[in-house]
Amino acid sequence: MGLRDFFRRKGDPGVVSREPVGKFKVAGVTSVLGKQVLGGTVIDGVIYPGYKLKGRGVAVVREIHIQNRKVDFAVEGDQVALVLDGVLNVNAGESLEVYQS
């Protein structure tokens, strides 16, 4: 256990990859059964469950839904709902970076 691990908040997933693999633009934020859900559009790249969103914090993408169906990934131009593990402080209109786990 290093010094960085000691000061990291418990439950903070951190970011693993150095370069973002995509961007996501938030259209709306809601909460469903205690999980934060972001609705919006994939601006660039591909998003898979397990990838991380970074804004003013970091959260892991748990599920991806398109038109009330759970899907395995989302590509550029898709309008999706992302169910998150963790909570991000975001507002509608913000762009978030997407990182691989």
N, C-alpha and C. Protein backbone atom coordinates (compact mmCIF):
# COMPACT_ATOMS: atom_id res chain seq x y z
N MET A 1 0.85 -1.18 0.00
CA MET A 1 0.00 0.00 0.00
C MET A 1 0.89 1.23 0.00
N GLY A 2 0.80 2.01 -1.06
CA GLY A 2 1.61 3.20 -1.18
C GLY A 2 0.94 4.42 -0.59
N LEU A 3 1.67 5.51 -0.58
CA LEU A 3 1.16 6.76 -0.03
C LEU A 3 -0.05 7.26 -0.81
N ARG A 4 -0.01 7.12 -2.13
CA ARG A 4 -1.14 7.55 -2.96
C ARG A 4 -2.39 6.74 -2.62
N ASP A 5 -2.24 5.43 -2.41
CA ASP A 5 -3.37 4.59 -2.05
C ASP A 5 -3.96 4.98 -0.70
N PHE A 6 -3.11 5.41 0.21
CA PHE A 6 -3.57 5.78 1.54
C PHE A 6 -4.49 7.01 1.49
N PHE A 7 -4.16 7.99 0.63
CA PHE A 7 -4.94 9.22 0.57
C PHE A 7 -6.10 9.16 -0.43
N ARG A 8 -6.18 8.13 -1.22
CA ARG A 8 -7.28 8.00 -2.17
C ARG A 8 -8.56 7.72 -1.40
N ARG A 9 -9.63 8.38 -1.80
CA ARG A 9 -10.91 8.16 -1.14
C ARG A 9 -11.36 6.73 -1.38
N LYS A 10 -11.94 6.13 -0.37
CA LYS A 10 -12.44 4.76 -0.50
C LYS A 10 -13.56 4.74 -1.52
N GLY A 11 -13.51 3.80 -2.45
CA GLY A 11 -14.53 3.69 -3.48
C GLY A 11 -14.24 4.54 -4.71
N ASP A 12 -13.17 5.32 -4.71
CA ASP A 12 -12.81 6.14 -5.86
C ASP A 12 -12.18 5.24 -6.92
N PRO A 13 -12.82 5.09 -8.10
CA PRO A 13 -12.30 4.16 -9.10
C PRO A 13 -11.02 4.63 -9.76
N GLY A 14 -10.73 5.93 -9.79
CA GLY A 14 -9.53 6.42 -10.46
C GLY A 14 -9.61 6.24 -11.96
N VAL A 15 -8.65 6.75 -12.67
CA VAL A 15 -8.61 6.62 -14.12
C VAL A 15 -7.37 5.81 -14.47
N VAL A 16 -7.54 4.79 -15.33
CA VAL A 16 -6.44 3.89 -15.66
C VAL A 16 -5.74 4.29 -16.94
N SER A 17 -6.47 4.51 -18.03
CA SER A 17 -5.82 4.84 -19.30
C SER A 17 -5.38 6.30 -19.29
N ARG A 18 -4.34 6.60 -20.06
CA ARG A 18 -3.79 7.96 -20.08
C ARG A 18 -4.54 8.87 -21.03
N GLU A 19 -4.98 8.35 -22.15
CA GLU A 19 -5.66 9.14 -23.16
C GLU A 19 -7.15 8.80 -23.19
N PRO A 20 -8.02 9.80 -23.32
CA PRO A 20 -9.45 9.48 -23.42
C PRO A 20 -9.75 8.74 -24.71
N VAL A 21 -10.69 7.81 -24.64
CA VAL A 21 -11.08 7.03 -25.82
C VAL A 21 -12.39 7.52 -26.42
N GLY A 22 -12.99 8.54 -25.79
CA GLY A 22 -14.23 9.08 -26.31
C GLY A 22 -14.71 10.26 -25.50
N LYS A 23 -15.85 10.83 -25.97
CA LYS A 23 -16.49 11.94 -25.27
C LYS A 23 -17.99 11.70 -25.23
N PHE A 24 -18.61 12.18 -24.15
CA PHE A 24 -20.05 12.02 -23.93
C PHE A 24 -20.62 13.36 -23.53
N LYS A 25 -21.69 13.80 -24.21
CA LYS A 25 -22.34 15.07 -23.87
C LYS A 25 -23.62 14.78 -23.10
N VAL A 26 -23.72 15.34 -21.91
CA VAL A 26 -24.85 15.09 -21.00
C VAL A 26 -26.04 15.94 -21.40
N ALA A 27 -27.21 15.29 -21.56
CA ALA A 27 -28.45 16.00 -21.84
C ALA A 27 -29.31 16.11 -20.59
N GLY A 28 -29.18 15.14 -19.68
CA GLY A 28 -29.97 15.16 -18.46
C GLY A 28 -29.41 14.20 -17.42
N VAL A 29 -29.70 14.49 -16.16
CA VAL A 29 -29.22 13.67 -15.05
C VAL A 29 -30.41 13.28 -14.18
N THR A 30 -30.48 11.99 -13.81
CA THR A 30 -31.54 11.51 -12.94
C THR A 30 -31.01 10.40 -12.06
N SER A 31 -31.85 9.93 -11.16
CA SER A 31 -31.47 8.83 -10.27
C SER A 31 -32.56 7.77 -10.33
N VAL A 32 -32.16 6.51 -10.53
CA VAL A 32 -33.10 5.40 -10.59
C VAL A 32 -32.62 4.31 -9.65
N LEU A 33 -33.43 3.97 -8.67
CA LEU A 33 -33.11 2.94 -7.68
C LEU A 33 -31.75 3.15 -7.04
N GLY A 34 -31.44 4.40 -6.73
CA GLY A 34 -30.20 4.72 -6.04
C GLY A 34 -28.98 4.83 -6.94
N LYS A 35 -29.13 4.63 -8.22
CA LYS A 35 -28.02 4.76 -9.17
C LYS A 35 -28.20 6.04 -9.99
N GLN A 36 -27.11 6.75 -10.25
CA GLN A 36 -27.17 7.94 -11.09
C GLN A 36 -27.23 7.51 -12.55
N VAL A 37 -28.13 8.15 -13.30
CA VAL A 37 -28.29 7.84 -14.72
C VAL A 37 -28.09 9.12 -15.52
N LEU A 38 -27.17 9.06 -16.50
CA LEU A 38 -26.91 10.20 -17.38
C LEU A 38 -27.51 9.90 -18.75
N GLY A 39 -28.32 10.80 -19.24
CA GLY A 39 -28.84 10.70 -20.60
C GLY A 39 -28.07 11.65 -21.48
N GLY A 40 -27.77 11.23 -22.69
CA GLY A 40 -27.03 12.12 -23.58
C GLY A 40 -26.59 11.43 -24.85
N THR A 41 -25.60 12.05 -25.50
CA THR A 41 -25.13 11.59 -26.81
C THR A 41 -23.64 11.28 -26.76
N VAL A 42 -23.25 10.19 -27.41
CA VAL A 42 -21.83 9.86 -27.56
C VAL A 42 -21.30 10.75 -28.68
N ILE A 43 -20.39 11.65 -28.32
CA ILE A 43 -19.85 12.60 -29.30
C ILE A 43 -18.74 11.97 -30.12
N ASP A 44 -17.91 11.16 -29.46
CA ASP A 44 -16.73 10.61 -30.13
C ASP A 44 -16.38 9.28 -29.49
N GLY A 45 -15.91 8.33 -30.28
CA GLY A 45 -15.42 7.06 -29.77
C GLY A 45 -16.52 6.04 -29.48
N VAL A 46 -16.17 5.07 -28.63
CA VAL A 46 -17.05 3.97 -28.26
C VAL A 46 -17.07 3.88 -26.74
N ILE A 47 -18.24 3.57 -26.17
CA ILE A 47 -18.36 3.39 -24.72
C ILE A 47 -18.84 1.97 -24.44
N TYR A 48 -18.12 1.28 -23.56
CA TYR A 48 -18.48 -0.06 -23.10
C TYR A 48 -18.77 -0.01 -21.60
N PRO A 49 -19.58 -0.94 -21.08
CA PRO A 49 -19.70 -1.04 -19.62
C PRO A 49 -18.33 -1.32 -19.02
N GLY A 50 -18.04 -0.69 -17.90
CA GLY A 50 -16.73 -0.83 -17.27
C GLY A 50 -15.81 0.33 -17.57
N TYR A 51 -16.11 1.11 -18.63
CA TYR A 51 -15.33 2.30 -18.91
C TYR A 51 -15.65 3.36 -17.86
N LYS A 52 -14.79 4.37 -17.76
CA LYS A 52 -14.95 5.39 -16.74
C LYS A 52 -15.22 6.75 -17.36
N LEU A 53 -16.11 7.50 -16.73
CA LEU A 53 -16.41 8.86 -17.14
C LEU A 53 -15.72 9.82 -16.19
N LYS A 54 -15.09 10.84 -16.76
CA LYS A 54 -14.39 11.80 -15.93
C LYS A 54 -14.92 13.20 -16.22
N GLY A 55 -15.36 13.85 -15.17
CA GLY A 55 -15.79 15.25 -15.22
C GLY A 55 -15.18 15.91 -14.00
N ARG A 56 -16.04 16.34 -13.09
CA ARG A 56 -15.56 16.81 -11.78
C ARG A 56 -15.63 15.63 -10.82
N GLY A 57 -14.96 14.57 -11.15
CA GLY A 57 -14.97 13.32 -10.43
C GLY A 57 -14.89 12.19 -11.43
N VAL A 58 -14.92 10.96 -10.93
CA VAL A 58 -14.84 9.78 -11.80
C VAL A 58 -15.91 8.78 -11.37
N ALA A 59 -16.58 8.17 -12.35
CA ALA A 59 -17.57 7.14 -12.09
C ALA A 59 -17.47 6.07 -13.18
N VAL A 60 -17.82 4.85 -12.82
CA VAL A 60 -17.76 3.71 -13.75
C VAL A 60 -19.12 3.51 -14.40
N VAL A 61 -19.12 3.24 -15.72
CA VAL A 61 -20.34 2.94 -16.45
C VAL A 61 -20.74 1.50 -16.13
N ARG A 62 -21.91 1.34 -15.52
CA ARG A 62 -22.37 0.00 -15.15
C ARG A 62 -23.18 -0.64 -16.28
N GLU A 63 -24.11 0.13 -16.86
CA GLU A 63 -24.96 -0.37 -17.95
C GLU A 63 -25.16 0.73 -18.97
N ILE A 64 -25.47 0.31 -20.21
CA ILE A 64 -25.79 1.25 -21.29
C ILE A 64 -27.15 0.86 -21.85
N HIS A 65 -28.05 1.84 -21.97
CA HIS A 65 -29.39 1.59 -22.51
C HIS A 65 -29.65 2.51 -23.69
N ILE A 66 -30.21 1.92 -24.75
CA ILE A 66 -30.67 2.68 -25.91
C ILE A 66 -32.13 2.33 -26.12
N GLN A 67 -33.01 3.32 -26.06
CA GLN A 67 -34.45 3.14 -26.24
C GLN A 67 -34.98 1.99 -25.38
N ASN A 68 -34.72 2.05 -24.07
CA ASN A 68 -35.19 1.09 -23.08
C ASN A 68 -34.69 -0.34 -23.28
N ARG A 69 -33.59 -0.50 -24.02
CA ARG A 69 -32.96 -1.81 -24.18
C ARG A 69 -31.52 -1.72 -23.73
N LYS A 70 -31.10 -2.73 -22.99
CA LYS A 70 -29.72 -2.81 -22.55
C LYS A 70 -28.86 -3.26 -23.72
N VAL A 71 -27.75 -2.54 -23.97
CA VAL A 71 -26.86 -2.88 -25.09
C VAL A 71 -25.45 -3.09 -24.56
N ASP A 72 -24.60 -3.70 -25.40
CA ASP A 72 -23.23 -4.03 -25.02
C ASP A 72 -22.25 -2.88 -25.22
N PHE A 73 -22.58 -1.93 -26.10
CA PHE A 73 -21.70 -0.79 -26.34
C PHE A 73 -22.48 0.32 -27.03
N ALA A 74 -21.91 1.52 -27.06
CA ALA A 74 -22.51 2.66 -27.75
C ALA A 74 -21.43 3.31 -28.60
N VAL A 75 -21.79 3.72 -29.80
CA VAL A 75 -20.83 4.34 -30.73
C VAL A 75 -21.21 5.80 -30.96
N GLU A 76 -20.33 6.50 -31.65
CA GLU A 76 -20.51 7.92 -31.96
C GLU A 76 -21.88 8.17 -32.58
N GLY A 77 -22.61 9.14 -32.02
CA GLY A 77 -23.92 9.52 -32.53
C GLY A 77 -25.09 8.87 -31.81
N ASP A 78 -24.85 7.85 -31.01
CA ASP A 78 -25.93 7.18 -30.28
C ASP A 78 -26.43 8.06 -29.14
N GLN A 79 -27.76 8.09 -28.97
CA GLN A 79 -28.35 8.74 -27.81
C GLN A 79 -28.63 7.64 -26.79
N VAL A 80 -27.98 7.73 -25.63
CA VAL A 80 -27.99 6.63 -24.67
C VAL A 80 -28.29 7.13 -23.26
N ALA A 81 -28.59 6.16 -22.39
CA ALA A 81 -28.66 6.39 -20.95
C ALA A 81 -27.57 5.53 -20.33
N LEU A 82 -26.70 6.16 -19.53
CA LEU A 82 -25.61 5.45 -18.87
C LEU A 82 -25.92 5.33 -17.39
N VAL A 83 -26.00 4.09 -16.89
CA VAL A 83 -26.21 3.84 -15.47
C VAL A 83 -24.82 3.76 -14.84
N LEU A 84 -24.57 4.57 -13.80
CA LEU A 84 -23.24 4.70 -13.23
C LEU A 84 -23.12 4.04 -11.87
N ASP A 85 -21.92 3.54 -11.58
CA ASP A 85 -21.51 3.18 -10.23
C ASP A 85 -20.74 4.39 -9.72
N GLY A 86 -21.26 5.04 -8.73
CA GLY A 86 -20.66 6.27 -8.25
C GLY A 86 -21.51 7.45 -8.66
N VAL A 87 -21.09 8.63 -8.23
CA VAL A 87 -21.85 9.85 -8.50
C VAL A 87 -20.92 10.90 -9.08
N LEU A 88 -21.37 11.53 -10.17
CA LEU A 88 -20.65 12.65 -10.77
C LEU A 88 -21.45 13.92 -10.55
N ASN A 89 -20.76 15.01 -10.29
CA ASN A 89 -21.41 16.32 -10.19
C ASN A 89 -21.39 16.94 -11.58
N VAL A 90 -22.46 16.70 -12.35
CA VAL A 90 -22.53 17.22 -13.72
C VAL A 90 -23.86 17.93 -13.94
N ASN A 91 -23.89 18.77 -14.93
CA ASN A 91 -25.09 19.47 -15.34
C ASN A 91 -25.35 19.19 -16.81
N ALA A 92 -26.57 19.42 -17.24
CA ALA A 92 -26.92 19.24 -18.65
C ALA A 92 -26.05 20.16 -19.50
N GLY A 93 -25.58 19.64 -20.62
CA GLY A 93 -24.76 20.42 -21.54
C GLY A 93 -23.27 20.21 -21.38
N GLU A 94 -22.85 19.57 -20.29
CA GLU A 94 -21.42 19.34 -20.08
C GLU A 94 -20.93 18.17 -20.92
N SER A 95 -19.66 18.21 -21.31
CA SER A 95 -19.02 17.11 -22.02
C SER A 95 -18.08 16.39 -21.06
N LEU A 96 -18.15 15.07 -21.05
CA LEU A 96 -17.32 14.24 -20.18
C LEU A 96 -16.36 13.42 -21.03
N GLU A 97 -15.18 13.18 -20.50
CA GLU A 97 -14.22 12.31 -21.18
C GLU A 97 -14.45 10.88 -20.76
N VAL A 98 -14.21 9.95 -21.68
CA VAL A 98 -14.39 8.52 -21.44
C VAL A 98 -13.02 7.85 -21.47
N TYR A 99 -12.74 7.03 -20.45
CA TYR A 99 -11.46 6.33 -20.34
C TYR A 99 -11.70 4.84 -20.21
N GLN A 100 -10.74 4.05 -20.73
CA GLN A 100 -10.80 2.60 -20.55
C GLN A 100 -10.44 2.24 -19.13
N SER A 101 -10.92 1.10 -18.70
CA SER A 101 -10.59 0.62 -17.35
C SER A 101 -9.27 -0.11 -17.36
